[in-house]
């Protein structure tokens, strides 16, 4: 369950790890643009003793940090020239600095932020529906009251989860349990290639010890989802084997206009 910002960020990182292609595409675009801008801004050091000019030795690294949910690249001068780049950049007692590094960073910052935000919007689009559904259920007083009554006690945090259920709560005495997952999210109602809405589908899995408990819970969940503009369109009930709980997998869909 999401108890605060840290766990929400962890869930977002998990989702981005599943969509690394979009993140890599954005980082590659920014890195290439940054390298070109740095080359344009870098002074042409005509007195180079090595024969290699700073602007001709700008390097872009491979992708780094993907396993930790961080997609990044390093951009800068190569090992043959980086040791002397600070002289023309920062200046010396004999001549003022050109400050081409800061100039490039200042030029690229707004461009990079716009590009990466656009990528994040695509990559995190499914998370928006999950978060909205979670908020609708987690703050529904009627649902919380009934879950506590069925369980026989009130827990510190309600057993409603995003993406996966914490292992500590996979116990009979913790039921009922609710998990919210993404099914699909894609653009809809295009006009001149501009997306007018997101077509979002999610699954809400509800686990309880009896069919009667499910029958009491599901109408309240449906009503809460209606208030979040989701319509229920598919449902399946069976008995899961790990804990022996009755399990309902229910699908919901909404058109989220932009």
C-alpha atoms as a PDB file:
ATOM      1  CA  UNK A   1       0.000   0.000   0.000  1.00  0.00           C
ATOM      2  CA  UNK A   2       1.097   3.588  -0.482  1.00  0.00           C
ATOM      3  CA  UNK A   3       1.679   5.139   2.926  1.00  0.00           C
ATOM      4  CA  UNK A   4       3.416   8.274   1.674  1.00  0.00           C
ATOM      5  CA  UNK A   5       5.531   9.930  -0.975  1.00  0.00           C
ATOM      6  CA  UNK A   6       8.387   7.416  -0.758  1.00  0.00           C
ATOM      7  CA  UNK A   7       6.194   4.452  -1.619  1.00  0.00           C
ATOM      8  CA  UNK A   8       4.384   6.388  -4.335  1.00  0.00           C
ATOM      9  CA  UNK A   9       7.744   7.227  -5.925  1.00  0.00           C
ATOM     10  CA  UNK A  10       8.721   3.561  -5.668  1.00  0.00           C
ATOM     11  CA  UNK A  11       5.601   2.555  -7.576  1.00  0.00           C
ATOM     12  CA  UNK A  12       6.288   5.191 -10.230  1.00  0.00           C
ATOM     13  CA  UNK A  13       9.878   3.932 -10.557  1.00  0.00           C
ATOM     14  CA  UNK A  14       8.540   0.400 -10.974  1.00  0.00           C
ATOM     15  CA  UNK A  15       6.273   1.560 -13.771  1.00  0.00           C
ATOM     16  CA  UNK A  16       9.097   3.459 -15.499  1.00  0.00           C
ATOM     17  CA  UNK A  17      11.288   0.364 -15.357  1.00  0.00           C
ATOM     18  CA  UNK A  18       8.601  -1.327 -17.426  1.00  0.00           C
ATOM     19  CA  UNK A  19       8.742   1.506 -19.961  1.00  0.00           C
ATOM     20  CA  UNK A  20      12.455   2.111 -20.373  1.00  0.00           C
ATOM     21  CA  UNK A  21      12.167   2.536 -24.145  1.00  0.00           C
ATOM     22  CA  UNK A  22      10.321   5.843 -23.710  1.00  0.00           C
ATOM     23  CA  UNK A  23      12.809   7.049 -21.082  1.00  0.00           C
ATOM     24  CA  UNK A  24      15.810   6.073 -23.224  1.00  0.00           C
ATOM     25  CA  UNK A  25      14.359   7.829 -26.245  1.00  0.00           C
ATOM     26  CA  UNK A  26      13.983  11.080 -24.297  1.00  0.00           C
ATOM     27  CA  UNK A  27      17.434  10.909 -22.689  1.00  0.00           C
ATOM     28  CA  UNK A  28      19.072  10.118 -26.047  1.00  0.00           C
ATOM     29  CA  UNK A  29      17.407  13.128 -27.663  1.00  0.00           C
ATOM     30  CA  UNK A  30      18.437  15.469 -24.848  1.00  0.00           C
ATOM     31  CA  UNK A  31      22.012  14.107 -24.762  1.00  0.00           C
ATOM     32  CA  UNK A  32      22.518  14.546 -28.504  1.00  0.00           C
ATOM     33  CA  UNK A  33      21.091  18.073 -28.437  1.00  0.00           C
ATOM     34  CA  UNK A  34      23.257  18.940 -25.406  1.00  0.00           C
ATOM     35  CA  UNK A  35      26.412  17.693 -27.162  1.00  0.00           C
ATOM     36  CA  UNK A  36      25.659  19.774 -30.273  1.00  0.00           C
ATOM     37  CA  UNK A  37      24.992  22.875 -28.169  1.00  0.00           C
ATOM     38  CA  UNK A  38      28.197  22.384 -26.180  1.00  0.00           C
ATOM     39  CA  UNK A  39      30.161  22.021 -29.424  1.00  0.00           C
ATOM     40  CA  UNK A  40      28.648  25.230 -30.784  1.00  0.00           C
ATOM     41  CA  UNK A  41      29.393  27.183 -27.588  1.00  0.00           C
ATOM     42  CA  UNK A  42      32.927  25.857 -26.994  1.00  0.00           C
ATOM     43  CA  UNK A  43      35.778  28.120 -28.018  1.00  0.00           C
ATOM     44  CA  UNK A  44      38.031  26.893 -30.815  1.00  0.00           C
ATOM     45  CA  UNK A  45      41.396  26.491 -29.076  1.00  0.00           C
ATOM     46  CA  UNK A  46      43.749  27.261 -31.946  1.00  0.00           C
ATOM     47  CA  UNK A  47      46.853  26.928 -29.746  1.00  0.00           C
ATOM     48  CA  UNK A  48      46.168  23.293 -28.846  1.00  0.00           C
ATOM     49  CA  UNK A  49      49.497  21.461 -28.445  1.00  0.00           C
ATOM     50  CA  UNK A  50      47.861  18.053 -28.781  1.00  0.00           C
ATOM     51  CA  UNK A  51      46.220  18.811 -32.104  1.00  0.00           C
ATOM     52  CA  UNK A  52      42.852  17.867 -30.626  1.00  0.00           C
ATOM     53  CA  UNK A  53      40.505  20.770 -30.102  1.00  0.00           C
ATOM     54  CA  UNK A  54      37.979  20.815 -27.261  1.00  0.00           C
ATOM     55  CA  UNK A  55      34.981  21.148 -29.537  1.00  0.00           C
ATOM     56  CA  UNK A  56      36.138  18.106 -31.529  1.00  0.00           C
ATOM     57  CA  UNK A  57      36.380  15.863 -28.448  1.00  0.00           C
ATOM     58  CA  UNK A  58      32.860  16.012 -26.984  1.00  0.00           C
ATOM     59  CA  UNK A  59      31.756  12.551 -25.867  1.00  0.00           C
ATOM     60  CA  UNK A  60      28.365  11.049 -24.982  1.00  0.00           C
ATOM     61  CA  UNK A  61      28.403   7.959 -22.768  1.00  0.00           C
ATOM     62  CA  UNK A  62      26.187   4.898 -23.042  1.00  0.00           C
ATOM     63  CA  UNK A  63      23.048   4.506 -20.949  1.00  0.00           C
ATOM     64  CA  UNK A  64      23.614   4.206 -17.212  1.00  0.00           C
ATOM     65  CA  UNK A  65      21.548   3.306 -14.156  1.00  0.00           C
ATOM     66  CA  UNK A  66      18.687   1.452 -15.857  1.00  0.00           C
ATOM     67  CA  UNK A  67      18.587  -1.290 -13.235  1.00  0.00           C
ATOM     68  CA  UNK A  68      17.960   1.285 -10.504  1.00  0.00           C
ATOM     69  CA  UNK A  69      15.221   3.080 -12.409  1.00  0.00           C
ATOM     70  CA  UNK A  70      17.570   5.921 -13.460  1.00  0.00           C
ATOM     71  CA  UNK A  71      18.115   6.401 -17.195  1.00  0.00           C
ATOM     72  CA  UNK A  72      20.986   8.800 -17.859  1.00  0.00           C
ATOM     73  CA  UNK A  73      23.974   9.628 -20.032  1.00  0.00           C
ATOM     74  CA  UNK A  74      27.129  11.640 -19.344  1.00  0.00           C
ATOM     75  CA  UNK A  75      28.125  14.407 -21.799  1.00  0.00           C
ATOM     76  CA  UNK A  76      31.444  16.198 -21.703  1.00  0.00           C
ATOM     77  CA  UNK A  77      34.958  16.446 -23.043  1.00  0.00           C
ATOM     78  CA  UNK A  78      36.975  13.291 -23.619  1.00  0.00           C
ATOM     79  CA  UNK A  79      39.906  12.195 -21.475  1.00  0.00           C
ATOM     80  CA  UNK A  80      42.389  13.702 -23.929  1.00  0.00           C
ATOM     81  CA  UNK A  81      41.085  17.241 -23.465  1.00  0.00           C
ATOM     82  CA  UNK A  82      38.960  17.425 -20.306  1.00  0.00           C
ATOM     83  CA  UNK A  83      41.992  18.230 -18.097  1.00  0.00           C
ATOM     84  CA  UNK A  84      42.489  21.566 -19.885  1.00  0.00           C
ATOM     85  CA  UNK A  85      38.867  22.521 -20.570  1.00  0.00           C
ATOM     86  CA  UNK A  86      38.651  24.592 -17.383  1.00  0.00           C
ATOM     87  CA  UNK A  87      41.285  27.061 -18.620  1.00  0.00           C
ATOM     88  CA  UNK A  88      39.283  28.574 -21.518  1.00  0.00           C
ATOM     89  CA  UNK A  89      36.008  27.968 -19.684  1.00  0.00           C
ATOM     90  CA  UNK A  90      36.869  29.531 -16.324  1.00  0.00           C
ATOM     91  CA  UNK A  91      39.651  31.837 -17.497  1.00  0.00           C
ATOM     92  CA  UNK A  92      43.101  32.541 -16.078  1.00  0.00           C
ATOM     93  CA  UNK A  93      45.053  35.551 -14.879  1.00  0.00           C
ATOM     94  CA  UNK A  94      45.884  36.297 -18.516  1.00  0.00           C
ATOM     95  CA  UNK A  95      42.430  36.063 -20.130  1.00  0.00           C
ATOM     96  CA  UNK A  96      38.769  35.978 -19.058  1.00  0.00           C
ATOM     97  CA  UNK A  97      36.769  32.778 -19.177  1.00  0.00           C
ATOM     98  CA  UNK A  98      34.296  31.972 -21.936  1.00  0.00           C
ATOM     99  CA  UNK A  99      31.970  30.074 -19.547  1.00  0.00           C
ATOM    100  CA  UNK A 100      30.708  27.844 -22.353  1.00  0.00           C
ATOM    101  CA  UNK A 101      29.776  25.049 -19.934  1.00  0.00           C
ATOM    102  CA  UNK A 102      27.376  27.229 -17.937  1.00  0.00           C
ATOM    103  CA  UNK A 103      26.082  28.776 -21.145  1.00  0.00           C
ATOM    104  CA  UNK A 104      25.230  25.326 -22.507  1.00  0.00           C
ATOM    105  CA  UNK A 105      23.556  24.223 -19.278  1.00  0.00           C
ATOM    106  CA  UNK A 106      21.442  27.387 -19.145  1.00  0.00           C
ATOM    107  CA  UNK A 107      20.414  26.990 -22.777  1.00  0.00           C
ATOM    108  CA  UNK A 108      19.587  23.317 -22.498  1.00  0.00           C
ATOM    109  CA  UNK A 109      17.832  23.232 -19.109  1.00  0.00           C
ATOM    110  CA  UNK A 110      14.378  24.411 -20.293  1.00  0.00           C
ATOM    111  CA  UNK A 111      14.601  22.274 -23.441  1.00  0.00           C
ATOM    112  CA  UNK A 112      15.602  19.194 -21.459  1.00  0.00           C
ATOM    113  CA  UNK A 113      12.862  19.711 -18.866  1.00  0.00           C
ATOM    114  CA  UNK A 114      10.208  20.049 -21.562  1.00  0.00           C
ATOM    115  CA  UNK A 115      11.425  16.938 -23.367  1.00  0.00           C
ATOM    116  CA  UNK A 116      11.680  14.802 -20.223  1.00  0.00           C
ATOM    117  CA  UNK A 117       8.286  15.976 -18.925  1.00  0.00           C
ATOM    118  CA  UNK A 118       6.718  14.957 -22.230  1.00  0.00           C
ATOM    119  CA  UNK A 119       8.344  11.543 -21.908  1.00  0.00           C
ATOM    120  CA  UNK A 120       7.228  11.151 -18.280  1.00  0.00           C
ATOM    121  CA  UNK A 121       3.668  11.973 -19.278  1.00  0.00           C
ATOM    122  CA  UNK A 122       3.722   9.094 -21.764  1.00  0.00           C
ATOM    123  CA  UNK A 123       5.531   6.697 -19.451  1.00  0.00           C
ATOM    124  CA  UNK A 124       3.453   7.432 -16.371  1.00  0.00           C
ATOM    125  CA  UNK A 125       0.075   7.717 -18.075  1.00  0.00           C
ATOM    126  CA  UNK A 126      -1.161   4.353 -16.731  1.00  0.00           C
ATOM    127  CA  UNK A 127      -0.241   5.396 -13.166  1.00  0.00           C
ATOM    128  CA  UNK A 128      -2.743   8.271 -13.246  1.00  0.00           C
ATOM    129  CA  UNK A 129      -5.700   5.893 -13.487  1.00  0.00           C
ATOM    130  CA  UNK A 130      -4.283   3.667 -10.735  1.00  0.00           C
ATOM    131  CA  UNK A 131      -3.755   6.632  -8.411  1.00  0.00           C
ATOM    132  CA  UNK A 132      -7.259   8.001  -9.060  1.00  0.00           C
ATOM    133  CA  UNK A 133      -8.813   4.598  -8.352  1.00  0.00           C
ATOM    134  CA  UNK A 134      -6.728   4.193  -5.202  1.00  0.00           C
ATOM    135  CA  UNK A 135      -7.783   7.595  -3.887  1.00  0.00           C
ATOM    136  CA  UNK A 136     -11.448   6.838  -4.635  1.00  0.00           C
ATOM    137  CA  UNK A 137     -11.383   3.575  -2.666  1.00  0.00           C
ATOM    138  CA  UNK A 138      -8.950   4.478   0.095  1.00  0.00           C
ATOM    139  CA  UNK A 139     -10.975   7.527   1.127  1.00  0.00           C
ATOM    140  CA  UNK A 140     -14.424   5.937   0.758  1.00  0.00           C
ATOM    141  CA  UNK A 141     -15.866   5.906   4.290  1.00  0.00           C
ATOM    142  CA  UNK A 142     -18.504   3.257   3.577  1.00  0.00           C
ATOM    143  CA  UNK A 143     -15.949   0.875   2.059  1.00  0.00           C
ATOM    144  CA  UNK A 144     -13.492   1.359   4.907  1.00  0.00           C
ATOM    145  CA  UNK A 145     -16.188   0.788   7.510  1.00  0.00           C
ATOM    146  CA  UNK A 146     -17.330  -2.442   5.873  1.00  0.00           C
ATOM    147  CA  UNK A 147     -13.779  -3.776   5.444  1.00  0.00           C
ATOM    148  CA  UNK A 148     -13.099  -3.163   9.135  1.00  0.00           C
ATOM    149  CA  UNK A 149     -16.359  -4.856  10.141  1.00  0.00           C
ATOM    150  CA  UNK A 150     -15.620  -7.928   8.015  1.00  0.00           C
ATOM    151  CA  UNK A 151     -12.087  -8.163   9.417  1.00  0.00           C
ATOM    152  CA  UNK A 152     -13.264  -7.557  12.945  1.00  0.00           C
ATOM    153  CA  UNK A 153     -10.796  -4.769  13.623  1.00  0.00           C
ATOM    154  CA  UNK A 154      -9.394  -1.536  12.243  1.00  0.00           C
ATOM    155  CA  UNK A 155      -5.808  -1.629  11.013  1.00  0.00           C
ATOM    156  CA  UNK A 156      -3.375   1.283  11.041  1.00  0.00           C
ATOM    157  CA  UNK A 157      -3.538   1.352   7.236  1.00  0.00           C
ATOM    158  CA  UNK A 158      -6.404   0.029   5.143  1.00  0.00           C
ATOM    159  CA  UNK A 159      -5.630  -3.049   3.025  1.00  0.00           C
ATOM    160  CA  UNK A 160      -5.983  -1.352  -0.365  1.00  0.00           C
ATOM    161  CA  UNK A 161      -2.892  -1.618  -2.565  1.00  0.00           C
ATOM    162  CA  UNK A 162      -1.461  -0.341  -5.833  1.00  0.00           C
ATOM    163  CA  UNK A 163       0.219  -2.825  -8.219  1.00  0.00           C
ATOM    164  CA  UNK A 164       1.038  -5.474  -5.594  1.00  0.00           C
ATOM    165  CA  UNK A 165       0.062  -6.493  -2.072  1.00  0.00           C
ATOM    166  CA  UNK A 166       2.703  -6.171   0.640  1.00  0.00           C
ATOM    167  CA  UNK A 167       3.830  -9.615   1.802  1.00  0.00           C
ATOM    168  CA  UNK A 168       3.041  -8.775   5.435  1.00  0.00           C
ATOM    169  CA  UNK A 169      -0.634  -8.486   4.504  1.00  0.00           C
ATOM    170  CA  UNK A 170      -0.959 -11.757   2.575  1.00  0.00           C
ATOM    171  CA  UNK A 171      -2.702 -13.439   5.517  1.00  0.00           C
ATOM    172  CA  UNK A 172      -6.238 -14.679   6.100  1.00  0.00           C
ATOM    173  CA  UNK A 173      -6.704 -12.441   9.123  1.00  0.00           C
ATOM    174  CA  UNK A 174      -5.853  -9.345   7.028  1.00  0.00           C
ATOM    175  CA  UNK A 175      -8.683  -9.953   4.533  1.00  0.00           C
ATOM    176  CA  UNK A 176     -10.459  -8.334   2.840  1.00  0.00           C
ATOM    177  CA  UNK A 177      -7.682  -7.247   0.475  1.00  0.00           C
ATOM    178  CA  UNK A 178      -7.963  -4.982  -2.577  1.00  0.00           C
ATOM    179  CA  UNK A 179      -5.333  -4.579  -5.304  1.00  0.00           C
ATOM    180  CA  UNK A 180      -5.433  -2.064  -8.197  1.00  0.00           C
ATOM    181  CA  UNK A 181      -3.513  -2.816 -11.406  1.00  0.00           C
ATOM    182  CA  UNK A 182      -3.182  -1.342 -14.882  1.00  0.00           C
ATOM    183  CA  UNK A 183      -4.672  -3.131 -17.892  1.00  0.00           C
ATOM    184  CA  UNK A 184      -4.164  -0.619 -20.694  1.00  0.00           C
ATOM    185  CA  UNK A 185      -3.863   3.081 -21.424  1.00  0.00           C
ATOM    186  CA  UNK A 186      -3.754   4.664 -24.855  1.00  0.00           C
ATOM    187  CA  UNK A 187      -4.666   7.856 -26.658  1.00  0.00           C
ATOM    188  CA  UNK A 188      -8.137   8.446 -28.090  1.00  0.00           C
ATOM    189  CA  UNK A 189     -10.156  11.052 -30.021  1.00  0.00           C
ATOM    190  CA  UNK A 190      -7.305  12.389 -32.118  1.00  0.00           C
ATOM    191  CA  UNK A 191      -7.729  15.628 -34.042  1.00  0.00           C
ATOM    192  CA  UNK A 192      -4.916  16.685 -36.394  1.00  0.00           C
ATOM    193  CA  UNK A 193      -2.687  14.094 -34.703  1.00  0.00           C
ATOM    194  CA  UNK A 194      -3.353  15.677 -31.304  1.00  0.00           C
ATOM    195  CA  UNK A 195      -4.654  13.340 -28.597  1.00  0.00           C
ATOM    196  CA  UNK A 196      -7.927  14.486 -27.076  1.00  0.00           C
ATOM    197  CA  UNK A 197      -8.311  11.879 -24.340  1.00  0.00           C
ATOM    198  CA  UNK A 198      -6.808   8.816 -22.661  1.00  0.00           C
ATOM    199  CA  UNK A 199      -8.691   5.523 -22.832  1.00  0.00           C
ATOM    200  CA  UNK A 200      -7.794   3.921 -19.474  1.00  0.00           C
ATOM    201  CA  UNK A 201      -8.541   0.411 -18.232  1.00  0.00           C
ATOM    202  CA  UNK A 202      -7.666  -0.995 -14.810  1.00  0.00           C
ATOM    203  CA  UNK A 203      -8.372  -4.137 -12.801  1.00  0.00           C
ATOM    204  CA  UNK A 204      -9.470  -4.161  -9.181  1.00  0.00           C
ATOM    205  CA  UNK A 205      -8.949  -7.494  -7.463  1.00  0.00           C
ATOM    206  CA  UNK A 206     -10.919  -8.008  -4.249  1.00  0.00           C
ATOM    207  CA  UNK A 207     -10.183 -10.921  -1.895  1.00  0.00           C
ATOM    208  CA  UNK A 208     -12.404 -12.014   0.981  1.00  0.00           C
ATOM    209  CA  UNK A 209     -13.035 -15.193   2.963  1.00  0.00           C
ATOM    210  CA  UNK A 210     -16.575 -15.778   1.668  1.00  0.00           C
ATOM    211  CA  UNK A 211     -18.665 -15.113  -1.425  1.00  0.00           C
ATOM    212  CA  UNK A 212     -21.141 -13.258   0.799  1.00  0.00           C
ATOM    213  CA  UNK A 213     -18.425 -10.809   1.870  1.00  0.00           C
ATOM    214  CA  UNK A 214     -17.536 -10.187  -1.779  1.00  0.00           C
ATOM    215  CA  UNK A 215     -21.212  -9.603  -2.562  1.00  0.00           C
ATOM    216  CA  UNK A 216     -21.303  -6.877   0.093  1.00  0.00           C
ATOM    217  CA  UNK A 217     -18.030  -5.231  -0.997  1.00  0.00           C
ATOM    218  CA  UNK A 218     -18.409  -5.142  -4.782  1.00  0.00           C
ATOM    219  CA  UNK A 219     -21.413  -2.759  -5.062  1.00  0.00           C
ATOM    220  CA  UNK A 220     -19.630  -0.227  -2.856  1.00  0.00           C
ATOM    221  CA  UNK A 221     -16.467  -0.513  -4.952  1.00  0.00           C
ATOM    222  CA  UNK A 222     -18.518  -0.076  -8.144  1.00  0.00           C
ATOM    223  CA  UNK A 223     -20.163   3.046  -6.758  1.00  0.00           C
ATOM    224  CA  UNK A 224     -16.841   4.558  -5.689  1.00  0.00           C
ATOM    225  CA  UNK A 225     -15.405   3.876  -9.129  1.00  0.00           C
ATOM    226  CA  UNK A 226     -18.407   5.519 -10.789  1.00  0.00           C
ATOM    227  CA  UNK A 227     -17.632   8.681  -8.872  1.00  0.00           C
ATOM    228  CA  UNK A 228     -14.120   8.519 -10.353  1.00  0.00           C
ATOM    229  CA  UNK A 229     -15.734   8.172 -13.818  1.00  0.00           C
ATOM    230  CA  UNK A 230     -14.883   4.468 -14.244  1.00  0.00           C
ATOM    231  CA  UNK A 231     -17.422   2.019 -15.678  1.00  0.00           C
ATOM    232  CA  UNK A 232     -17.262  -1.666 -14.742  1.00  0.00           C
ATOM    233  CA  UNK A 233     -17.292  -3.950 -17.807  1.00  0.00           C
ATOM    234  CA  UNK A 234     -15.961  -7.393 -16.805  1.00  0.00           C
ATOM    235  CA  UNK A 235     -15.968  -9.570 -13.692  1.00  0.00           C
ATOM    236  CA  UNK A 236     -14.724 -13.027 -12.713  1.00  0.00           C
ATOM    237  CA  UNK A 237     -14.972 -14.838  -9.361  1.00  0.00           C
ATOM    238  CA  UNK A 238     -12.920 -17.841  -8.304  1.00  0.00           C
ATOM    239  CA  UNK A 239     -11.157 -19.305  -5.283  1.00  0.00           C
ATOM    240  CA  UNK A 240      -7.443 -18.580  -5.154  1.00  0.00           C
ATOM    241  CA  UNK A 241      -5.222 -21.425  -3.965  1.00  0.00           C
ATOM    242  CA  UNK A 242      -2.530 -19.733  -1.847  1.00  0.00           C
ATOM    243  CA  UNK A 243      -4.726 -18.505   1.017  1.00  0.00           C
ATOM    244  CA  UNK A 244      -8.010 -20.088   0.022  1.00  0.00           C
ATOM    245  CA  UNK A 245      -9.680 -16.683  -0.345  1.00  0.00           C
ATOM    246  CA  UNK A 246     -12.569 -15.938  -2.659  1.00  0.00           C
ATOM    247  CA  UNK A 247     -11.220 -13.729  -5.428  1.00  0.00           C
ATOM    248  CA  UNK A 248     -12.999 -11.265  -7.698  1.00  0.00           C
ATOM    249  CA  UNK A 249     -11.170  -9.726 -10.658  1.00  0.00           C
ATOM    250  CA  UNK A 250     -13.151  -6.738 -11.899  1.00  0.00           C
ATOM    251  CA  UNK A 251     -12.273  -4.568 -14.908  1.00  0.00           C
ATOM    252  CA  UNK A 252     -13.073  -0.851 -15.195  1.00  0.00           C
ATOM    253  CA  UNK A 253     -12.681   1.647 -18.004  1.00  0.00           C
ATOM    254  CA  UNK A 254     -12.918   5.401 -18.397  1.00  0.00           C
ATOM    255  CA  UNK A 255     -12.295   8.045 -21.051  1.00  0.00           C
ATOM    256  CA  UNK A 256     -10.160  10.733 -19.437  1.00  0.00           C
ATOM    257  CA  UNK A 257     -10.522  13.897 -21.542  1.00  0.00           C
ATOM    258  CA  UNK A 258      -7.487  16.186 -21.666  1.00  0.00           C
END
